[in-house]
Amino acid sequence: MFYYWDYNPSRTHQAGITCFNTNSKDNNYFVSGSYDESLRLWDVRKLGPRSGPLDEISLGGGVWRAKHHYDSQLIACACMHNKFQVVEVENFSSLGKFTKKKMRISF
């Protein structure tokens, strides 16, 4: 189990955090989503008072949920105003919007 308290006065998310998910293959990495429309990638080994995320992406709608695919480097994200999006971890970019009909990957 991993617990994290935000003790950094210069917060990185500009609104409330809505989701938090760890990578099942490498527990050193996790993502956080927020009402500020961003998904951020973190490394627990680099957390500290002056640390920040390894990478971030704006998904165009508050990120309600994020879940790593159990066997790949993909993250499925449910966004408030921008449907579902799949983010590739390696270059931290969106593979596009997905509707229920287009989503064929089981997470």
Protein backbone atom coordinates (compact mmCIF):
# COMPACT_ATOMS: atom_id res chain seq x y z
CA MET A 1 0.00 0.00 0.00
CA PHE A 2 1.22 3.47 -0.85
CA TYR A 3 0.18 6.68 0.91
CA TYR A 4 1.02 10.17 -0.28
CA TRP A 5 0.29 13.46 1.45
CA ASP A 6 0.65 16.69 -0.48
CA TYR A 7 2.96 18.72 1.75
CA ASN A 8 4.32 20.82 -1.11
CA PRO A 9 3.09 24.44 -0.87
CA SER A 10 3.54 24.94 -4.63
CA ARG A 11 0.90 22.40 -5.65
CA THR A 12 1.09 21.05 -9.16
CA HIS A 13 -2.61 20.38 -9.76
CA GLN A 14 -4.65 23.57 -10.00
CA ALA A 15 -7.88 21.89 -8.84
CA GLY A 16 -9.00 18.88 -6.80
CA ILE A 17 -7.43 15.49 -7.46
CA THR A 18 -10.06 13.01 -8.64
CA CYS A 19 -8.07 9.82 -9.27
CA PHE A 20 -4.82 8.10 -8.44
CA ASN A 21 -3.59 4.86 -10.01
CA THR A 22 -0.35 2.88 -9.77
CA ASN A 23 1.30 0.84 -12.49
CA SER A 24 0.86 -2.86 -11.68
CA LYS A 25 4.15 -3.83 -13.37
CA ASP A 26 6.26 -1.10 -11.75
CA ASN A 27 5.01 0.33 -8.46
CA ASN A 28 7.52 3.19 -8.67
CA TYR A 29 5.22 5.03 -11.07
CA PHE A 30 1.71 6.37 -10.63
CA VAL A 31 -0.64 8.82 -12.32
CA SER A 32 -2.94 11.42 -10.84
CA GLY A 33 -5.91 13.05 -12.54
CA SER A 34 -7.64 16.27 -11.61
CA TYR A 35 -10.50 18.65 -12.28
CA ASP A 36 -7.86 20.90 -13.90
CA GLU A 37 -8.06 18.62 -16.99
CA SER A 38 -4.58 17.17 -16.53
CA LEU A 39 -3.12 13.72 -16.07
CA ARG A 40 0.30 13.66 -14.42
CA LEU A 41 2.92 10.90 -14.27
CA TRP A 42 4.95 10.60 -11.06
CA ASP A 43 7.93 8.59 -9.78
CA VAL A 44 7.75 7.78 -6.05
CA ARG A 45 11.55 7.68 -5.86
CA LYS A 46 11.67 11.37 -6.78
CA LEU A 47 8.96 12.75 -4.50
CA GLY A 48 10.03 15.57 -2.25
CA PRO A 49 9.32 19.17 -1.27
CA ARG A 50 10.61 20.57 -4.57
CA SER A 51 9.71 17.70 -6.87
CA GLY A 52 7.17 17.72 -9.64
CA PRO A 53 5.64 15.28 -12.06
CA LEU A 54 7.78 13.47 -14.64
CA ASP A 55 5.29 14.43 -17.33
CA GLU A 56 1.78 15.78 -17.78
CA ILE A 57 -0.87 16.00 -20.46
CA SER A 58 -4.04 18.05 -20.76
CA LEU A 59 -6.98 15.85 -21.76
CA GLY A 60 -9.52 18.61 -22.34
CA GLY A 61 -11.92 17.75 -19.54
CA GLY A 62 -11.54 16.93 -15.87
CA VAL A 63 -10.00 13.49 -15.51
CA TRP A 64 -12.39 11.45 -13.37
CA ARG A 65 -10.72 8.05 -13.58
CA ALA A 66 -7.43 6.67 -14.87
CA LYS A 67 -6.47 3.01 -15.05
CA HIS A 68 -3.31 1.34 -16.32
CA HIS A 69 -3.79 -1.56 -18.72
CA TYR A 70 -2.54 -4.66 -16.92
CA ASP A 71 -0.28 -5.83 -19.75
CA SER A 72 0.82 -2.74 -21.69
CA GLN A 73 1.93 0.85 -21.45
CA LEU A 74 -1.56 2.31 -21.90
CA ILE A 75 -3.76 4.27 -19.50
CA ALA A 76 -7.51 4.54 -20.01
CA CYS A 77 -8.93 7.88 -18.83
CA ALA A 78 -12.54 8.92 -18.33
CA CYS A 79 -12.85 12.67 -18.85
CA MET A 80 -15.76 14.92 -17.92
CA HIS A 81 -16.15 16.81 -21.18
CA ASN A 82 -13.89 14.87 -23.52
CA LYS A 83 -15.15 11.27 -23.44
CA PHE A 84 -12.68 8.42 -22.91
CA GLN A 85 -9.06 8.84 -23.91
CA VAL A 86 -6.19 6.38 -24.01
CA VAL A 87 -2.75 7.71 -23.10
CA GLU A 88 0.46 5.97 -24.10
CA VAL A 89 2.93 6.02 -21.19
CA GLU A 90 6.16 5.85 -23.18
CA ASN A 91 5.78 9.28 -24.79
CA PHE A 92 2.84 10.38 -22.59
CA SER A 93 0.56 11.31 -25.45
CA SER A 94 -3.11 10.73 -26.14
CA LEU A 95 -4.04 8.14 -28.75
CA GLY A 96 -7.33 9.98 -29.26
CA LYS A 97 -10.91 10.07 -28.02
CA PHE A 98 -12.84 6.85 -27.81
CA THR A 99 -16.54 6.20 -27.63
CA LYS A 100 -18.07 3.03 -26.27
CA LYS A 101 -18.34 1.61 -29.79
CA LYS A 102 -14.66 2.22 -30.59
CA MET A 103 -13.27 0.90 -27.26
CA ARG A 104 -12.10 -2.67 -27.78
CA ILE A 105 -9.33 -2.93 -25.17
CA SER A 106 -10.20 -4.65 -21.89
CA PHE A 107 -8.81 -2.82 -18.85
